[in-house]
PDB file of N, CA and C in Angstrom:
ATOM      1  N   MET A   1      -2.450   2.385  99.485  1.00  0.00           N
ATOM      2  CA  MET A   1      -2.066   2.893 100.778  1.00  0.00           C
ATOM      3  C   MET A   1      -2.474   4.363 100.765  1.00  0.00           C
ATOM      4  N   LYS A   2      -2.967   4.874 101.899  1.00  0.00           N
ATOM      5  CA  LYS A   2      -3.383   6.243 101.795  1.00  0.00           C
ATOM      6  C   LYS A   2      -2.344   7.114 101.667  1.00  0.00           C
ATOM      7  N   LYS A   3      -2.474   8.368 101.399  1.00  0.00           N
ATOM      8  CA  LYS A   3      -1.532   9.433 101.386  1.00  0.00           C
ATOM      9  C   LYS A   3      -1.021   9.686 102.659  1.00  0.00           C
ATOM     10  N   SER A   4      -1.924  10.024 103.574  1.00  0.00           N
ATOM     11  CA  SER A   4      -1.414  10.188 104.849  1.00  0.00           C
ATOM     12  C   SER A   4      -0.482   9.251 105.821  1.00  0.00           C
ATOM     13  N   THR A   5      -0.953   7.976 105.286  1.00  0.00           N
ATOM     14  CA  THR A   5      -0.304   6.896 106.200  1.00  0.00           C
ATOM     15  C   THR A   5       0.954   6.819 105.276  1.00  0.00           C
ATOM     16  N   ARG A   6       1.059   6.978 103.906  1.00  0.00           N
ATOM     17  CA  ARG A   6       2.527   6.944 103.276  1.00  0.00           C
ATOM     18  C   ARG A   6       3.359   8.133 103.805  1.00  0.00           C
ATOM     19  N   ASN A   7       2.725   9.264 104.112  1.00  0.00           N
ATOM     20  CA  ASN A   7       3.552  10.368 104.365  1.00  0.00           C
ATOM     21  C   ASN A   7       4.041  10.239 105.925  1.00  0.00           C
ATOM     22  N   GLN A   8       3.318   9.506 106.577  1.00  0.00           N
ATOM     23  CA  GLN A   8       3.727   9.210 108.079  1.00  0.00           C
ATOM     24  C   GLN A   8       4.851   8.312 108.162  1.00  0.00           C
ATOM     25  N   ALA A   9       4.765   7.328 107.130  1.00  0.00           N
ATOM     26  CA  ALA A   9       5.797   6.255 107.117  1.00  0.00           C
ATOM     27  C   ALA A   9       7.138   7.075 106.652  1.00  0.00           C
ATOM     28  N   GLU A  10       6.849   7.643 105.589  1.00  0.00           N
ATOM     29  CA  GLU A  10       8.157   8.419 105.000  1.00  0.00           C
ATOM     30  C   GLU A  10       8.752   9.383 106.171  1.00  0.00           C
ATOM     31  N   GLY A  11       7.792  10.016 106.812  1.00  0.00           N
ATOM     32  CA  GLY A  11       8.546  11.027 107.915  1.00  0.00           C
ATOM     33  C   GLY A  11       9.169  10.257 108.990  1.00  0.00           C
ATOM     34  N   THR A  12       8.662   9.142 109.304  1.00  0.00           N
ATOM     35  CA  THR A  12       9.411   8.394 110.380  1.00  0.00           C
ATOM     36  C   THR A  12      10.743   7.727 109.750  1.00  0.00           C
ATOM     37  N   PHE A  13      10.819   7.542 108.565  1.00  0.00           N
ATOM     38  CA  PHE A  13      12.026   6.983 107.801  1.00  0.00           C
ATOM     39  C   PHE A  13      13.026   8.151 107.859  1.00  0.00           C
ATOM     40  N   HIS A  14      12.599   9.332 107.546  1.00  0.00           N
ATOM     41  CA  HIS A  14      13.584  10.578 107.554  1.00  0.00           C
ATOM     42  C   HIS A  14      14.043  10.875 108.872  1.00  0.00           C
ATOM     43  N   GLN A  15      13.140  10.843 110.002  1.00  0.00           N
ATOM     44  CA  GLN A  15      13.482  10.908 111.368  1.00  0.00           C
ATOM     45  C   GLN A  15      14.702   9.978 111.771  1.00  0.00           C
ATOM     46  N   VAL A  16      14.436   8.747 111.430  1.00  0.00           N
ATOM     47  CA  VAL A  16      15.534   7.591 111.763  1.00  0.00           C
ATOM     48  C   VAL A  16      16.838   7.866 110.851  1.00  0.00           C
ATOM     49  N   LYS A  17      16.517   8.224 109.846  1.00  0.00           N
ATOM     50  CA  LYS A  17      17.848   8.471 108.774  1.00  0.00           C
ATOM     51  C   LYS A  17      18.779   9.741 109.296  1.00  0.00           C
ATOM     52  N   GLY A  18      17.835  10.795 109.642  1.00  0.00           N
ATOM     53  CA  GLY A  18      18.544  11.966 110.356  1.00  0.00           C
ATOM     54  C   GLY A  18      19.177  11.678 111.714  1.00  0.00           C
ATOM     55  N   LYS A  19      18.613  10.958 112.504  1.00  0.00           N
ATOM     56  CA  LYS A  19      19.065  10.504 113.523  1.00  0.00           C
ATOM     57  C   LYS A  19      20.502   9.827 113.563  1.00  0.00           C
ATOM     58  N   ILE A  20      20.482   8.870 112.511  1.00  0.00           N
ATOM     59  CA  ILE A  20      21.648   8.147 112.284  1.00  0.00           C
ATOM     60  C   ILE A  20      22.826   9.000 111.800  1.00  0.00           C
ATOM     61  N   LYS A  21      22.558  10.035 110.734  1.00  0.00           N
ATOM     62  CA  LYS A  21      23.345  10.967 110.292  1.00  0.00           C
ATOM     63  C   LYS A  21      23.925  12.007 111.415  1.00  0.00           C
ATOM     64  N   GLU A  22      22.921  12.272 112.375  1.00  0.00           N
ATOM     65  CA  GLU A  22      23.487  13.260 113.569  1.00  0.00           C
ATOM     66  C   GLU A  22      24.524  12.496 114.293  1.00  0.00           C
ATOM     67  N   VAL A  23      24.204  11.255 114.649  1.00  0.00           N
ATOM     68  CA  VAL A  23      25.231  10.506 115.635  1.00  0.00           C
ATOM     69  C   VAL A  23      26.426  10.331 114.890  1.00  0.00           C
ATOM     70  N   ALA A  24      26.439  10.103 113.497  1.00  0.00           N
ATOM     71  CA  ALA A  24      27.720   9.716 112.771  1.00  0.00           C
ATOM     72  C   ALA A  24      28.464  11.090 112.638  1.00  0.00           C
ATOM     73  N   GLY A  25      27.801  12.262 112.567  1.00  0.00           N
ATOM     74  CA  GLY A  25      28.441  13.494 112.507  1.00  0.00           C
ATOM     75  C   GLY A  25      29.199  13.734 113.815  1.00  0.00           C
ATOM     76  N   LYS A  26      28.539  13.364 114.934  1.00  0.00           N
ATOM     77  CA  LYS A  26      29.141  13.518 116.309  1.00  0.00           C
ATOM     78  C   LYS A  26      30.232  12.673 116.272  1.00  0.00           C
ATOM     79  N   LEU A  27      30.117  11.406 115.834  1.00  0.00           N
ATOM     80  CA  LEU A  27      31.312  10.505 116.225  1.00  0.00           C
ATOM     81  C   LEU A  27      32.472  10.706 115.313  1.00  0.00           C
ATOM     82  N   SER A  28      32.206  11.196 114.135  1.00  0.00           N
ATOM     83  CA  SER A  28      33.285  11.594 113.243  1.00  0.00           C
ATOM     84  C   SER A  28      33.916  12.896 113.257  1.00  0.00           C
ATOM     85  N   ASP A  29      33.440  13.675 114.227  1.00  0.00           N
ATOM     86  CA  ASP A  29      33.631  15.072 114.472  1.00  0.00           C
ATOM     87  C   ASP A  29      33.578  15.831 113.156  1.00  0.00           C
ATOM     88  N   ASN A  30      32.190  15.734 112.591  1.00  0.00           N
ATOM     89  CA  ASN A  30      32.027  16.341 111.155  1.00  0.00           C
ATOM     90  C   ASN A  30      30.753  17.077 111.401  1.00  0.00           C
ATOM     91  N   PRO A  31      30.878  18.548 111.729  1.00  0.00           N
ATOM     92  CA  PRO A  31      29.504  19.316 112.166  1.00  0.00           C
ATOM     93  C   PRO A  31      28.699  19.435 111.010  1.00  0.00           C
ATOM     94  N   LYS A  32      29.010  19.417 109.675  1.00  0.00           N
ATOM     95  CA  LYS A  32      28.111  19.433 108.745  1.00  0.00           C
ATOM     96  C   LYS A  32      27.240  18.257 108.473  1.00  0.00           C
ATOM     97  N   LEU A  33      27.787  17.070 108.762  1.00  0.00           N
ATOM     98  CA  LEU A  33      26.762  16.080 108.652  1.00  0.00           C
ATOM     99  C   LEU A  33      25.990  16.151 109.978  1.00  0.00           C
ATOM    100  N   GLU A  34      26.450  16.526 111.024  1.00  0.00           N
ATOM    101  CA  GLU A  34      25.677  16.474 112.316  1.00  0.00           C
ATOM    102  C   GLU A  34      24.311  17.571 111.948  1.00  0.00           C
ATOM    103  N   ILE A  35      24.741  18.670 111.437  1.00  0.00           N
ATOM    104  CA  ILE A  35      23.644  19.798 111.100  1.00  0.00           C
ATOM    105  C   ILE A  35      22.549  19.179 110.196  1.00  0.00           C
ATOM    106  N   GLU A  36      23.232  18.450 108.899  1.00  0.00           N
ATOM    107  CA  GLU A  36      22.309  17.612 108.044  1.00  0.00           C
ATOM    108  C   GLU A  36      21.436  16.797 108.712  1.00  0.00           C
ATOM    109  N   GLY A  37      21.854  16.000 109.527  1.00  0.00           N
ATOM    110  CA  GLY A  37      20.965  14.931 110.186  1.00  0.00           C
ATOM    111  C   GLY A  37      20.041  15.542 111.029  1.00  0.00           C
ATOM    112  N   THR A  38      20.337  16.734 111.770  1.00  0.00           N
ATOM    113  CA  THR A  38      19.414  17.214 112.675  1.00  0.00           C
ATOM    114  C   THR A  38      18.148  17.992 111.645  1.00  0.00           C
ATOM    115  N   SER A  39      18.546  18.447 110.639  1.00  0.00           N
ATOM    116  CA  SER A  39      17.523  19.222 109.823  1.00  0.00           C
ATOM    117  C   SER A  39      16.648  18.058 109.186  1.00  0.00           C
ATOM    118  N   GLU A  40      17.471  16.924 108.762  1.00  0.00           N
ATOM    119  CA  GLU A  40      16.479  15.691 108.265  1.00  0.00           C
ATOM    120  C   GLU A  40      15.496  15.314 109.245  1.00  0.00           C
ATOM    121  N   LYS A  41      15.906  15.193 110.604  1.00  0.00           N
ATOM    122  CA  LYS A  41      15.138  14.582 111.711  1.00  0.00           C
ATOM    123  C   LYS A  41      14.043  15.503 111.886  1.00  0.00           C
ATOM    124  N   ILE A  42      14.289  16.829 111.883  1.00  0.00           N
ATOM    125  CA  ILE A  42      13.112  17.887 112.062  1.00  0.00           C
ATOM    126  C   ILE A  42      12.129  17.859 110.917  1.00  0.00           C
ATOM    127  N   ALA A  43      12.814  17.832 109.745  1.00  0.00           N
ATOM    128  CA  ALA A  43      11.859  17.626 108.494  1.00  0.00           C
ATOM    129  C   ALA A  43      10.872  16.423 108.457  1.00  0.00           C
ATOM    130  N   GLY A  44      11.521  15.199 109.223  1.00  0.00           N
ATOM    131  CA  GLY A  44      10.773  14.026 109.362  1.00  0.00           C
ATOM    132  C   GLY A  44       9.525  14.229 110.255  1.00  0.00           C
ATOM    133  N   LYS A  45       9.910  14.945 111.248  1.00  0.00           N
ATOM    134  CA  LYS A  45       8.966  15.164 112.364  1.00  0.00           C
ATOM    135  C   LYS A  45       7.744  16.027 111.885  1.00  0.00           C
ATOM    136  N   VAL A  46       8.046  17.184 110.928  1.00  0.00           N
ATOM    137  CA  VAL A  46       7.168  18.083 110.320  1.00  0.00           C
ATOM    138  C   VAL A  46       6.174  17.151 109.551  1.00  0.00           C
ATOM    139  N   GLN A  47       6.799  16.182 108.811  1.00  0.00           N
ATOM    140  CA  GLN A  47       6.109  15.317 107.874  1.00  0.00           C
ATOM    141  C   GLN A  47       5.215  14.529 108.549  1.00  0.00           C
ATOM    142  N   VAL A  48       5.580  13.965 109.716  1.00  0.00           N
ATOM    143  CA  VAL A  48       4.810  12.965 110.375  1.00  0.00           C
ATOM    144  C   VAL A  48       3.345  13.870 111.028  1.00  0.00           C
ATOM    145  N   LYS A  49       3.610  15.009 111.605  1.00  0.00           N
ATOM    146  CA  LYS A  49       2.603  15.855 112.043  1.00  0.00           C
ATOM    147  C   LYS A  49       1.602  16.197 110.855  1.00  0.00           C
ATOM    148  N   ALA A  50       2.101  16.636 109.809  1.00  0.00           N
ATOM    149  CA  ALA A  50       1.365  17.042 108.771  1.00  0.00           C
ATOM    150  C   ALA A  50       0.431  15.778 108.205  1.00  0.00           C
ATOM    151  N   ALA A  51       0.794  14.509 108.299  1.00  0.00           N
ATOM    152  CA  ALA A  51       0.318  13.288 107.870  1.00  0.00           C
ATOM    153  C   ALA A  51      -0.898  13.005 109.000  1.00  0.00           C
ATOM    154  N   GLN A  52      -0.539  13.262 110.297  1.00  0.00           N
ATOM    155  CA  GLN A  52      -1.539  13.139 111.261  1.00  0.00           C
ATOM    156  C   GLN A  52      -2.662  14.172 111.255  1.00  0.00           C
ATOM    157  N   ILE A  53      -2.222  15.481 110.808  1.00  0.00           N
ATOM    158  CA  ILE A  53      -3.311  16.454 110.694  1.00  0.00           C
ATOM    159  C   ILE A  53      -4.235  16.181 109.430  1.00  0.00           C
ATOM    160  N   GLU A  54      -3.617  15.364 108.378  1.00  0.00           N
ATOM    161  CA  GLU A  54      -4.307  15.061 107.319  1.00  0.00           C
ATOM    162  C   GLU A  54      -5.323  14.037 107.578  1.00  0.00           C
ATOM    163  N   LYS A  55      -4.923  13.098 108.376  1.00  0.00           N
ATOM    164  CA  LYS A  55      -5.704  11.907 109.028  1.00  0.00           C
ATOM    165  C   LYS A  55      -7.031  12.407 109.675  1.00  0.00           C
ATOM    166  N   VAL A  56      -6.654  13.525 110.333  1.00  0.00           N
ATOM    167  CA  VAL A  56      -7.913  13.928 111.337  1.00  0.00           C
ATOM    168  C   VAL A  56      -8.867  14.724 110.592  1.00  0.00           C
ATOM    169  N   LEU A  57      -8.481  15.442 109.432  1.00  0.00           N
ATOM    170  CA  LEU A  57      -9.049  16.237 108.561  1.00  0.00           C
ATOM    171  C   LEU A  57      -9.768  15.244 107.597  1.00  0.00           C
ATOM    172  N   GLY A  58      -9.395  14.245 107.348  1.00  0.00           N
ATOM    173  CA  GLY A  58     -10.069  13.212 106.495  1.00  0.00           C
ATOM    174  C   GLY A  58      -9.536  13.393 105.084  1.00  0.00           C
ATOM    175  N   LYS A  59      -8.439  13.893 104.787  1.00  0.00           N
ATOM    176  CA  LYS A  59      -7.941  13.986 103.332  1.00  0.00           C
ATOM    177  C   LYS A  59      -7.328  12.979 102.709  1.00  0.00           C
TER     178      LYS A  59
END
C-alpha cells in the first residue's frame, strides 16, 4: 500500500475515533474527553489533507 493511501486511511480512522470521543464526552458531560476527541478529529483531517497533497505531488 502506498504511503499516501495508508496515511489517508489512518487519518480517516482518527477522524471517526475523534468524533466518537467528542460525542461520548458531550453525553457523559466530560469536557476533557470532548476536547480530546475534537483535537484527534482535527489531527485526522490534517493527516488526510497531507496524504492528498502527497498523492498530487507524486511522493
